[in-house]
Amino acid sequence: VYMWKMLHSHRRDDGGCSVDCRQILTVSPQPAGTGGPLRIIFADGP
């Protein structure tokens, strides 16, 4: 059994614009504490 969730993240540059857009899928083995999470990261790019 795994639990999974998705998160969209980015940071703001000095001018306040969004940069480094990323989609992060986290898959965590269950029960909690039986293993570390896997973070699959999709970063924006050409």
ModelCIF file with pLDDT and N, C-alpha, C, O atoms, coordinates in Angstrom:
data_MODEL
#
_entry.id   MODEL 
#
_entity.id                         1 
_entity.type                       polymer 
_entity.pdbx_number_of_molecules   1 
#
_entity_poly.entity_id                      1 
_entity_poly.type                           'polypeptide(L)' 
_entity_poly.nstd_linkage                   no 
_entity_poly.nstd_monomer                   no 
_entity_poly.pdbx_seq_one_letter_code       VYMWKMLHSHRRDDGGCSVDCRQILTVSPQPAGTGGPLRIIFADGP 
_entity_poly.pdbx_seq_one_letter_code_can   VYMWKMLHSHRRDDGGCSVDCRQILTVSPQPAGTGGPLRIIFADGP 
_entity_poly.pdbx_strand_id                 A 
#
loop_
_entity_poly_seq.entity_id 
_entity_poly_seq.num 
_entity_poly_seq.mon_id 
_entity_poly_seq.hetero 
1 1  VAL n 
1 2  TYR n 
1 3  MET n 
1 4  TRP n 
1 5  LYS n 
1 6  MET n 
1 7  LEU n 
1 8  HIS n 
1 9  SER n 
1 10 HIS n 
1 11 ARG n 
1 12 ARG n 
1 13 ASP n 
1 14 ASP n 
1 15 GLY n 
1 16 GLY n 
1 17 CYS n 
1 18 SER n 
1 19 VAL n 
1 20 ASP n 
1 21 CYS n 
1 22 ARG n 
1 23 GLN n 
1 24 ILE n 
1 25 LEU n 
1 26 THR n 
1 27 VAL n 
1 28 SER n 
1 29 PRO n 
1 30 GLN n 
1 31 PRO n 
1 32 ALA n 
1 33 GLY n 
1 34 THR n 
1 35 GLY n 
1 36 GLY n 
1 37 PRO n 
1 38 LEU n 
1 39 ARG n 
1 40 ILE n 
1 41 ILE n 
1 42 PHE n 
1 43 ALA n 
1 44 ASP n 
1 45 GLY n 
1 46 PRO n 
#
_struct_asym.id          A 
_struct_asym.entity_id   1 
#
loop_
_ma_qa_metric.id 
_ma_qa_metric.mode 
_ma_qa_metric.name 
_ma_qa_metric.software_group_id 
_ma_qa_metric.type 
1 global pLDDT . pLDDT 
2 local  pLDDT . pLDDT 
#
_ma_qa_metric_global.metric_id      1 
_ma_qa_metric_global.metric_value   88.83 
_ma_qa_metric_global.model_id       1 
_ma_qa_metric_global.ordinal_id     1 
#
loop_
_ma_qa_metric_local.label_asym_id 
_ma_qa_metric_local.label_comp_id 
_ma_qa_metric_local.label_seq_id 
_ma_qa_metric_local.metric_id 
_ma_qa_metric_local.metric_value 
_ma_qa_metric_local.model_id 
_ma_qa_metric_local.ordinal_id 
A VAL 1  2 96.00 1 1  
A TYR 2  2 97.00 1 2  
A MET 3  2 97.00 1 3  
A TRP 4  2 97.00 1 4  
A LYS 5  2 96.00 1 5  
A MET 6  2 92.00 1 6  
A LEU 7  2 89.00 1 7  
A HIS 8  2 84.00 1 8  
A SER 9  2 84.00 1 9  
A HIS 10 2 78.00 1 10 
A ARG 11 2 73.00 1 11 
A ARG 12 2 76.00 1 12 
A ASP 13 2 77.00 1 13 
A ASP 14 2 81.00 1 14 
A GLY 15 2 81.00 1 15 
A GLY 16 2 75.00 1 16 
A CYS 17 2 75.00 1 17 
A SER 18 2 70.00 1 18 
A VAL 19 2 72.00 1 19 
A ASP 20 2 79.00 1 20 
A CYS 21 2 84.00 1 21 
A ARG 22 2 90.00 1 22 
A GLN 23 2 92.00 1 23 
A ILE 24 2 93.00 1 24 
A LEU 25 2 96.00 1 25 
A THR 26 2 97.00 1 26 
A VAL 27 2 97.00 1 27 
A SER 28 2 96.00 1 28 
A PRO 29 2 96.00 1 29 
A GLN 30 2 96.00 1 30 
A PRO 31 2 92.00 1 31 
A ALA 32 2 87.00 1 32 
A GLY 33 2 85.00 1 33 
A THR 34 2 90.00 1 34 
A GLY 35 2 92.00 1 35 
A GLY 36 2 94.00 1 36 
A PRO 37 2 96.00 1 37 
A LEU 38 2 97.00 1 38 
A ARG 39 2 97.00 1 39 
A ILE 40 2 97.00 1 40 
A ILE 41 2 96.00 1 41 
A PHE 42 2 95.00 1 42 
A ALA 43 2 92.00 1 43 
A ASP 44 2 89.00 1 44 
A GLY 45 2 89.00 1 45 
A PRO 46 2 92.00 1 46 
#
loop_
_atom_site.group_PDB 
_atom_site.id 
_atom_site.type_symbol 
_atom_site.label_atom_id 
_atom_site.label_alt_id 
_atom_site.label_comp_id 
_atom_site.label_asym_id 
_atom_site.label_entity_id 
_atom_site.label_seq_id 
_atom_site.pdbx_PDB_ins_code 
_atom_site.Cartn_x 
_atom_site.Cartn_y 
_atom_site.Cartn_z 
_atom_site.occupancy 
_atom_site.B_iso_or_equiv 
_atom_site.pdbx_formal_charge 
_atom_site.auth_seq_id 
_atom_site.auth_comp_id 
_atom_site.auth_asym_id 
_atom_site.auth_atom_id 
_atom_site.pdbx_PDB_model_num 
ATOM 1   N N  . VAL A 1 1  ? 0.842  -1.192 0.000   1.00 96.00 ? 1  VAL A N  1 
ATOM 2   C CA . VAL A 1 1  ? 0.000  0.000  0.000   1.00 96.00 ? 1  VAL A CA 1 
ATOM 3   C C  . VAL A 1 1  ? 0.880  1.246  0.000   1.00 96.00 ? 1  VAL A C  1 
ATOM 4   O O  . VAL A 1 1  ? 1.883  1.321  0.710   1.00 96.00 ? 1  VAL A O  1 
ATOM 5   N N  . TYR A 1 2  ? 0.481  2.212  -0.809  1.00 97.00 ? 2  TYR A N  1 
ATOM 6   C CA . TYR A 1 2  ? 1.148  3.511  -0.903  1.00 97.00 ? 2  TYR A CA 1 
ATOM 7   C C  . TYR A 1 2  ? 0.077  4.595  -0.803  1.00 97.00 ? 2  TYR A C  1 
ATOM 8   O O  . TYR A 1 2  ? -1.088 4.368  -1.131  1.00 97.00 ? 2  TYR A O  1 
ATOM 9   N N  . MET A 1 3  ? 0.483  5.754  -0.354  1.00 97.00 ? 3  MET A N  1 
ATOM 10  C CA . MET A 1 3  ? -0.350 6.945  -0.438  1.00 97.00 ? 3  MET A CA 1 
ATOM 11  C C  . MET A 1 3  ? 0.374  7.893  -1.387  1.00 97.00 ? 3  MET A C  1 
ATOM 12  O O  . MET A 1 3  ? 1.600  7.991  -1.358  1.00 97.00 ? 3  MET A O  1 
ATOM 13  N N  . TRP A 1 4  ? -0.391 8.594  -2.232  1.00 97.00 ? 4  TRP A N  1 
ATOM 14  C CA . TRP A 1 4  ? 0.235  9.516  -3.180  1.00 97.00 ? 4  TRP A CA 1 
ATOM 15  C C  . TRP A 1 4  ? -0.523 10.827 -3.239  1.00 97.00 ? 4  TRP A C  1 
ATOM 16  O O  . TRP A 1 4  ? -1.738 10.891 -3.050  1.00 97.00 ? 4  TRP A O  1 
ATOM 17  N N  . LYS A 1 5  ? 0.243  11.864 -3.510  1.00 96.00 ? 5  LYS A N  1 
ATOM 18  C CA . LYS A 1 5  ? -0.358 13.186 -3.685  1.00 96.00 ? 5  LYS A CA 1 
ATOM 19  C C  . LYS A 1 5  ? 0.488  13.982 -4.669  1.00 96.00 ? 5  LYS A C  1 
ATOM 20  O O  . LYS A 1 5  ? 1.652  13.672 -4.925  1.00 96.00 ? 5  LYS A O  1 
ATOM 21  N N  . MET A 1 6  ? -0.130 14.995 -5.197  1.00 92.00 ? 6  MET A N  1 
ATOM 22  C CA . MET A 1 6  ? 0.514  15.845 -6.181  1.00 92.00 ? 6  MET A CA 1 
ATOM 23  C C  . MET A 1 6  ? 0.565  17.272 -5.648  1.00 92.00 ? 6  MET A C  1 
ATOM 24  O O  . MET A 1 6  ? -0.332 17.722 -4.936  1.00 92.00 ? 6  MET A O  1 
ATOM 25  N N  . LEU A 1 7  ? 1.631  17.964 -6.009  1.00 89.00 ? 7  LEU A N  1 
ATOM 26  C CA . LEU A 1 7  ? 1.808  19.339 -5.573  1.00 89.00 ? 7  LEU A CA 1 
ATOM 27  C C  . LEU A 1 7  ? 2.423  20.136 -6.711  1.00 89.00 ? 7  LEU A C  1 
ATOM 28  O O  . LEU A 1 7  ? 3.340  19.671 -7.388  1.00 89.00 ? 7  LEU A O  1 
ATOM 29  N N  . HIS A 1 8  ? 1.910  21.333 -6.911  1.00 84.00 ? 8  HIS A N  1 
ATOM 30  C CA . HIS A 1 8  ? 2.505  22.247 -7.890  1.00 84.00 ? 8  HIS A CA 1 
ATOM 31  C C  . HIS A 1 8  ? 3.261  23.294 -7.091  1.00 84.00 ? 8  HIS A C  1 
ATOM 32  O O  . HIS A 1 8  ? 2.707  23.883 -6.163  1.00 84.00 ? 8  HIS A O  1 
ATOM 33  N N  . SER A 1 9  ? 4.520  23.533 -7.441  1.00 84.00 ? 9  SER A N  1 
ATOM 34  C CA . SER A 1 9  ? 5.284  24.523 -6.687  1.00 84.00 ? 9  SER A CA 1 
ATOM 35  C C  . SER A 1 9  ? 6.130  25.377 -7.621  1.00 84.00 ? 9  SER A C  1 
ATOM 36  O O  . SER A 1 9  ? 6.422  24.998 -8.756  1.00 84.00 ? 9  SER A O  1 
ATOM 37  N N  . HIS A 1 10 ? 6.502  26.511 -7.120  1.00 78.00 ? 10 HIS A N  1 
ATOM 38  C CA . HIS A 1 10 ? 7.427  27.394 -7.816  1.00 78.00 ? 10 HIS A CA 1 
ATOM 39  C C  . HIS A 1 10 ? 7.945  28.380 -6.788  1.00 78.00 ? 10 HIS A C  1 
ATOM 40  O O  . HIS A 1 10 ? 7.411  28.501 -5.686  1.00 78.00 ? 10 HIS A O  1 
ATOM 41  N N  . ARG A 1 11 ? 8.978  29.067 -7.169  1.00 73.00 ? 11 ARG A N  1 
ATOM 42  C CA . ARG A 1 11 ? 9.491  30.104 -6.290  1.00 73.00 ? 11 ARG A CA 1 
ATOM 43  C C  . ARG A 1 11 ? 9.351  31.436 -7.012  1.00 73.00 ? 11 ARG A C  1 
ATOM 44  O O  . ARG A 1 11 ? 9.126  31.480 -8.222  1.00 73.00 ? 11 ARG A O  1 
ATOM 45  N N  . ARG A 1 12 ? 9.484  32.486 -6.283  1.00 76.00 ? 12 ARG A N  1 
ATOM 46  C CA . ARG A 1 12 ? 9.394  33.832 -6.856  1.00 76.00 ? 12 ARG A CA 1 
ATOM 47  C C  . ARG A 1 12 ? 10.801 34.411 -6.957  1.00 76.00 ? 12 ARG A C  1 
ATOM 48  O O  . ARG A 1 12 ? 11.611 34.264 -6.042  1.00 76.00 ? 12 ARG A O  1 
ATOM 49  N N  . ASP A 1 13 ? 11.080 35.064 -8.065  1.00 77.00 ? 13 ASP A N  1 
ATOM 50  C CA . ASP A 1 13 ? 12.371 35.731 -8.204  1.00 77.00 ? 13 ASP A CA 1 
ATOM 51  C C  . ASP A 1 13 ? 12.322 37.067 -7.463  1.00 77.00 ? 13 ASP A C  1 
ATOM 52  O O  . ASP A 1 13 ? 11.307 37.408 -6.855  1.00 77.00 ? 13 ASP A O  1 
ATOM 53  N N  . ASP A 1 14 ? 13.399 37.806 -7.515  1.00 81.00 ? 14 ASP A N  1 
ATOM 54  C CA . ASP A 1 14 ? 13.476 39.078 -6.787  1.00 81.00 ? 14 ASP A CA 1 
ATOM 55  C C  . ASP A 1 14 ? 12.409 40.080 -7.226  1.00 81.00 ? 14 ASP A C  1 
ATOM 56  O O  . ASP A 1 14 ? 12.019 40.957 -6.454  1.00 81.00 ? 14 ASP A O  1 
ATOM 57  N N  . GLY A 1 15 ? 11.941 39.947 -8.465  1.00 81.00 ? 15 GLY A N  1 
ATOM 58  C CA . GLY A 1 15 ? 10.906 40.846 -8.967  1.00 81.00 ? 15 GLY A CA 1 
ATOM 59  C C  . GLY A 1 15 ? 9.498  40.375 -8.669  1.00 81.00 ? 15 GLY A C  1 
ATOM 60  O O  . GLY A 1 15 ? 8.536  41.055 -9.026  1.00 81.00 ? 15 GLY A O  1 
ATOM 61  N N  . GLY A 1 16 ? 9.352  39.218 -8.017  1.00 75.00 ? 16 GLY A N  1 
ATOM 62  C CA . GLY A 1 16 ? 8.040  38.696 -7.674  1.00 75.00 ? 16 GLY A CA 1 
ATOM 63  C C  . GLY A 1 16 ? 7.415  37.801 -8.717  1.00 75.00 ? 16 GLY A C  1 
ATOM 64  O O  . GLY A 1 16 ? 6.280  37.353 -8.550  1.00 75.00 ? 16 GLY A O  1 
ATOM 65  N N  . CYS A 1 17 ? 8.144  37.528 -9.807  1.00 75.00 ? 17 CYS A N  1 
ATOM 66  C CA . CYS A 1 17 ? 7.621  36.659 -10.865 1.00 75.00 ? 17 CYS A CA 1 
ATOM 67  C C  . CYS A 1 17 ? 7.843  35.189 -10.515 1.00 75.00 ? 17 CYS A C  1 
ATOM 68  O O  . CYS A 1 17 ? 8.854  34.828 -9.912  1.00 75.00 ? 17 CYS A O  1 
ATOM 69  N N  . SER A 1 18 ? 6.883  34.346 -10.903 1.00 70.00 ? 18 SER A N  1 
ATOM 70  C CA . SER A 1 18 ? 7.017  32.912 -10.686 1.00 70.00 ? 18 SER A CA 1 
ATOM 71  C C  . SER A 1 18 ? 8.096  32.342 -11.591 1.00 70.00 ? 18 SER A C  1 
ATOM 72  O O  . SER A 1 18 ? 8.121  32.613 -12.792 1.00 70.00 ? 18 SER A O  1 
ATOM 73  N N  . VAL A 1 19 ? 8.988  31.552 -11.007 1.00 72.00 ? 19 VAL A N  1 
ATOM 74  C CA . VAL A 1 19 ? 10.031 30.869 -11.768 1.00 72.00 ? 19 VAL A CA 1 
ATOM 75  C C  . VAL A 1 19 ? 10.169 29.455 -11.220 1.00 72.00 ? 19 VAL A C  1 
ATOM 76  O O  . VAL A 1 19 ? 9.659  29.142 -10.144 1.00 72.00 ? 19 VAL A O  1 
ATOM 77  N N  . ASP A 1 20 ? 10.853 28.618 -11.961 1.00 79.00 ? 20 ASP A N  1 
ATOM 78  C CA . ASP A 1 20 ? 11.115 27.238 -11.527 1.00 79.00 ? 20 ASP A CA 1 
ATOM 79  C C  . ASP A 1 20 ? 9.827  26.484 -11.204 1.00 79.00 ? 20 ASP A C  1 
ATOM 80  O O  . ASP A 1 20 ? 9.696  25.905 -10.126 1.00 79.00 ? 20 ASP A O  1 
ATOM 81  N N  . CYS A 1 21 ? 8.889  26.495 -12.129 1.00 84.00 ? 21 CYS A N  1 
ATOM 82  C CA . CYS A 1 21 ? 7.629  25.792 -11.980 1.00 84.00 ? 21 CYS A CA 1 
ATOM 83  C C  . CYS A 1 21 ? 7.914  24.286 -11.930 1.00 84.00 ? 21 CYS A C  1 
ATOM 84  O O  . CYS A 1 21 ? 8.683  23.766 -12.737 1.00 84.00 ? 21 CYS A O  1 
ATOM 85  N N  . ARG A 1 22 ? 7.285  23.594 -10.974 1.00 90.00 ? 22 ARG A N  1 
ATOM 86  C CA . ARG A 1 22 ? 7.496  22.161 -10.835 1.00 90.00 ? 22 ARG A CA 1 
ATOM 87  C C  . ARG A 1 22 ? 6.201  21.471 -10.437 1.00 90.00 ? 22 ARG A C  1 
ATOM 88  O O  . ARG A 1 22 ? 5.378  22.026 -9.708  1.00 90.00 ? 22 ARG A O  1 
ATOM 89  N N  . GLN A 1 23 ? 6.040  20.265 -10.925 1.00 92.00 ? 23 GLN A N  1 
ATOM 90  C CA . GLN A 1 23 ? 4.960  19.392 -10.505 1.00 92.00 ? 23 GLN A CA 1 
ATOM 91  C C  . GLN A 1 23 ? 5.630  18.252 -9.748  1.00 92.00 ? 23 GLN A C  1 
ATOM 92  O O  . GLN A 1 23 ? 6.519  17.588 -10.281 1.00 92.00 ? 23 GLN A O  1 
ATOM 93  N N  . ILE A 1 24 ? 5.210  18.023 -8.513  1.00 93.00 ? 24 ILE A N  1 
ATOM 94  C CA . ILE A 1 24 ? 5.848  17.006 -7.677  1.00 93.00 ? 24 ILE A CA 1 
ATOM 95  C C  . ILE A 1 24 ? 4.820  15.951 -7.296  1.00 93.00 ? 24 ILE A C  1 
ATOM 96  O O  . ILE A 1 24 ? 3.789  16.256 -6.696  1.00 93.00 ? 24 ILE A O  1 
ATOM 97  N N  . LEU A 1 25 ? 5.115  14.712 -7.652  1.00 96.00 ? 25 LEU A N  1 
ATOM 98  C CA . LEU A 1 25 ? 4.296  13.572 -7.274  1.00 96.00 ? 25 LEU A CA 1 
ATOM 99  C C  . LEU A 1 25 ? 5.033  12.860 -6.149  1.00 96.00 ? 25 LEU A C  1 
ATOM 100 O O  . LEU A 1 25 ? 6.168  12.420 -6.330  1.00 96.00 ? 25 LEU A O  1 
ATOM 101 N N  . THR A 1 26 ? 4.394  12.745 -4.989  1.00 97.00 ? 26 THR A N  1 
ATOM 102 C CA . THR A 1 26 ? 5.007  12.071 -3.842  1.00 97.00 ? 26 THR A CA 1 
ATOM 103 C C  . THR A 1 26 ? 4.264  10.772 -3.588  1.00 97.00 ? 26 THR A C  1 
ATOM 104 O O  . THR A 1 26 ? 3.043  10.762 -3.430  1.00 97.00 ? 26 THR A O  1 
ATOM 105 N N  . VAL A 1 27 ? 5.015  9.670  -3.551  1.00 97.00 ? 27 VAL A N  1 
ATOM 106 C CA . VAL A 1 27 ? 4.471  8.340  -3.287  1.00 97.00 ? 27 VAL A CA 1 
ATOM 107 C C  . VAL A 1 27 ? 5.118  7.846  -1.995  1.00 97.00 ? 27 VAL A C  1 
ATOM 108 O O  . VAL A 1 27 ? 6.341  7.738  -1.909  1.00 97.00 ? 27 VAL A O  1 
ATOM 109 N N  . SER A 1 28 ? 4.295  7.549  -0.994  1.00 96.00 ? 28 SER A N  1 
ATOM 110 C CA . SER A 1 28 ? 4.807  7.160  0.323   1.00 96.00 ? 28 SER A CA 1 
ATOM 111 C C  . SER A 1 28 ? 4.353  5.753  0.689   1.00 96.00 ? 28 SER A C  1 
ATOM 112 O O  . SER A 1 28 ? 3.155  5.471  0.697   1.00 96.00 ? 28 SER A O  1 
ATOM 113 N N  . PRO A 1 29 ? 5.311  4.859  0.996   1.00 96.00 ? 29 PRO A N  1 
ATOM 114 C CA . PRO A 1 29 ? 4.945  3.510  1.439   1.00 96.00 ? 29 PRO A CA 1 
ATOM 115 C C  . PRO A 1 29 ? 4.157  3.568  2.743   1.00 96.00 ? 29 PRO A C  1 
ATOM 116 O O  . PRO A 1 29 ? 4.375  4.439  3.584   1.00 96.00 ? 29 PRO A O  1 
ATOM 117 N N  . GLN A 1 30 ? 3.241  2.620  2.887   1.00 96.00 ? 30 GLN A N  1 
ATOM 118 C CA . GLN A 1 30 ? 2.415  2.527  4.087   1.00 96.00 ? 30 GLN A CA 1 
ATOM 119 C C  . GLN A 1 30 ? 2.641  1.173  4.750   1.00 96.00 ? 30 GLN A C  1 
ATOM 120 O O  . GLN A 1 30 ? 3.018  0.221  4.065   1.00 96.00 ? 30 GLN A O  1 
ATOM 121 N N  . PRO A 1 31 ? 2.426  1.055  6.048   1.00 92.00 ? 31 PRO A N  1 
ATOM 122 C CA . PRO A 1 31 ? 2.038  2.132  6.935   1.00 92.00 ? 31 PRO A CA 1 
ATOM 123 C C  . PRO A 1 31 ? 3.156  3.153  7.086   1.00 92.00 ? 31 PRO A C  1 
ATOM 124 O O  . PRO A 1 31 ? 4.321  2.868  6.808   1.00 92.00 ? 31 PRO A O  1 
ATOM 125 N N  . ALA A 1 32 ? 2.784  4.340  7.530   1.00 87.00 ? 32 ALA A N  1 
ATOM 126 C CA . ALA A 1 32 ? 3.745  5.428  7.687   1.00 87.00 ? 32 ALA A CA 1 
ATOM 127 C C  . ALA A 1 32 ? 4.926  4.961  8.527   1.00 87.00 ? 32 ALA A C  1 
ATOM 128 O O  . ALA A 1 32 ? 4.757  4.248  9.516   1.00 87.00 ? 32 ALA A O  1 
ATOM 129 N N  . GLY A 1 33 ? 6.119  5.373  8.121   1.00 85.00 ? 33 GLY A N  1 
ATOM 130 C CA . GLY A 1 33 ? 7.325  5.015  8.849   1.00 85.00 ? 33 GLY A CA 1 
ATOM 131 C C  . GLY A 1 33 ? 7.993  3.737  8.386   1.00 85.00 ? 33 GLY A C  1 
ATOM 132 O O  . GLY A 1 33 ? 9.056  3.376  8.890   1.00 85.00 ? 33 GLY A O  1 
ATOM 133 N N  . THR A 1 34 ? 7.378  3.039  7.420   1.00 90.00 ? 34 THR A N  1 
ATOM 134 C CA . THR A 1 34 ? 7.973  1.787  6.941   1.00 90.00 ? 34 THR A CA 1 
ATOM 135 C C  . THR A 1 34 ? 8.893  1.999  5.752   1.00 90.00 ? 34 THR A C  1 
ATOM 136 O O  . THR A 1 34 ? 9.504  1.048  5.263   1.00 90.00 ? 34 THR A O  1 
ATOM 137 N N  . GLY A 1 35 ? 8.997  3.217  5.287   1.00 92.00 ? 35 GLY A N  1 
ATOM 138 C CA . GLY A 1 35 ? 9.877  3.529  4.169   1.00 92.00 ? 35 GLY A CA 1 
ATOM 139 C C  . GLY A 1 35 ? 9.806  5.005  3.850   1.00 92.00 ? 35 GLY A C  1 
ATOM 140 O O  . GLY A 1 35 ? 8.861  5.697  4.227   1.00 92.00 ? 35 GLY A O  1 
ATOM 141 N N  . GLY A 1 36 ? 10.821 5.474  3.149   1.00 94.00 ? 36 GLY A N  1 
ATOM 142 C CA . GLY A 1 36 ? 10.873 6.883  2.792   1.00 94.00 ? 36 GLY A CA 1 
ATOM 143 C C  . GLY A 1 36 ? 10.070 7.169  1.542   1.00 94.00 ? 36 GLY A C  1 
ATOM 144 O O  . GLY A 1 36 ? 9.866  6.278  0.717   1.00 94.00 ? 36 GLY A O  1 
ATOM 145 N N  . PRO A 1 37 ? 9.611  8.406  1.392   1.00 96.00 ? 37 PRO A N  1 
ATOM 146 C CA . PRO A 1 37 ? 8.815  8.765  0.220   1.00 96.00 ? 37 PRO A CA 1 
ATOM 147 C C  . PRO A 1 37 ? 9.659  8.881  -1.043  1.00 96.00 ? 37 PRO A C  1 
ATOM 148 O O  . PRO A 1 37 ? 10.853 9.176  -0.997  1.00 96.00 ? 37 PRO A O  1 
ATOM 149 N N  . LEU A 1 38 ? 9.006  8.645  -2.152  1.00 97.00 ? 38 LEU A N  1 
ATOM 150 C CA . LEU A 1 38 ? 9.584  8.859  -3.475  1.00 97.00 ? 38 LEU A CA 1 
ATOM 151 C C  . LEU A 1 38 ? 8.968  10.142 -4.011  1.00 97.00 ? 38 LEU A C  1 
ATOM 152 O O  . LEU A 1 38 ? 7.746  10.264 -4.097  1.00 97.00 ? 38 LEU A O  1 
ATOM 153 N N  . ARG A 1 39 ? 9.822  11.102 -4.373  1.00 97.00 ? 39 ARG A N  1 
ATOM 154 C CA . ARG A 1 39 ? 9.338  12.354 -4.964  1.00 97.00 ? 39 ARG A CA 1 
ATOM 155 C C  . ARG A 1 39 ? 9.757  12.377 -6.427  1.00 97.00 ? 39 ARG A C  1 
ATOM 156 O O  . ARG A 1 39 ? 10.944 12.429 -6.749  1.00 97.00 ? 39 ARG A O  1 
ATOM 157 N N  . ILE A 1 40 ? 8.765  12.338 -7.301  1.00 97.00 ? 40 ILE A N  1 
ATOM 158 C CA . ILE A 1 40 ? 9.002  12.374 -8.744  1.00 97.00 ? 40 ILE A CA 1 
ATOM 159 C C  . ILE A 1 40 ? 8.743  13.803 -9.180  1.00 97.00 ? 40 ILE A C  1 
ATOM 160 O O  . ILE A 1 40 ? 7.621  14.300 -9.082  1.00 97.00 ? 40 ILE A O  1 
ATOM 161 N N  . ILE A 1 41 ? 9.790  14.462 -9.662  1.00 96.00 ? 41 ILE A N  1 
ATOM 162 C CA . ILE A 1 41 ? 9.722  15.900 -9.932  1.00 96.00 ? 41 ILE A CA 1 
ATOM 163 C C  . ILE A 1 41 ? 9.769  16.174 -11.427 1.00 96.00 ? 41 ILE A C  1 
ATOM 164 O O  . ILE A 1 41 ? 10.679 15.739 -12.133 1.00 96.00 ? 41 ILE A O  1 
ATOM 165 N N  . PHE A 1 42 ? 8.764  16.906 -11.886 1.00 95.00 ? 42 PHE A N  1 
ATOM 166 C CA . PHE A 1 42 ? 8.695  17.361 -13.269 1.00 95.00 ? 42 PHE A CA 1 
ATOM 167 C C  . PHE A 1 42 ? 8.918  18.869 -13.252 1.00 95.00 ? 42 PHE A C  1 
ATOM 168 O O  . PHE A 1 42 ? 8.028  19.632 -12.877 1.00 95.00 ? 42 PHE A O  1 
ATOM 169 N N  . ALA A 1 43 ? 10.116 19.294 -13.662 1.00 92.00 ? 43 ALA A N  1 
ATOM 170 C CA . ALA A 1 43 ? 10.451 20.719 -13.690 1.00 92.00 ? 43 ALA A CA 1 
ATOM 171 C C  . ALA A 1 43 ? 10.204 21.270 -15.085 1.00 92.00 ? 43 ALA A C  1 
ATOM 172 O O  . ALA A 1 43 ? 10.467 20.603 -16.086 1.00 92.00 ? 43 ALA A O  1 
ATOM 173 N N  . ASP A 1 44 ? 9.697  22.489 -15.137 1.00 89.00 ? 44 ASP A N  1 
ATOM 174 C CA . ASP A 1 44 ? 9.441  23.169 -16.397 1.00 89.00 ? 44 ASP A CA 1 
ATOM 175 C C  . ASP A 1 44 ? 10.744 23.330 -17.181 1.00 89.00 ? 44 ASP A C  1 
ATOM 176 O O  . ASP A 1 44 ? 11.810 23.513 -16.594 1.00 89.00 ? 44 ASP A O  1 
ATOM 177 N N  . GLY A 1 45 ? 10.653 23.261 -18.491 1.00 89.00 ? 45 GLY A N  1 
ATOM 178 C CA . GLY A 1 45 ? 11.826 23.445 -19.334 1.00 89.00 ? 45 GLY A CA 1 
ATOM 179 C C  . GLY A 1 45 ? 11.453 23.385 -20.799 1.00 89.00 ? 45 GLY A C  1 
ATOM 180 O O  . GLY A 1 45 ? 10.304 23.095 -21.131 1.00 89.00 ? 45 GLY A O  1 
ATOM 181 N N  . PRO A 1 46 ? 12.404 23.654 -21.685 1.00 92.00 ? 46 PRO A N  1 
ATOM 182 C CA . PRO A 1 46 ? 12.138 23.629 -23.122 1.00 92.00 ? 46 PRO A CA 1 
ATOM 183 C C  . PRO A 1 46 ? 11.658 22.253 -23.578 1.00 92.00 ? 46 PRO A C  1 
ATOM 184 O O  . PRO A 1 46 ? 11.388 22.054 -24.762 1.00 92.00 ? 46 PRO A O  1 
#
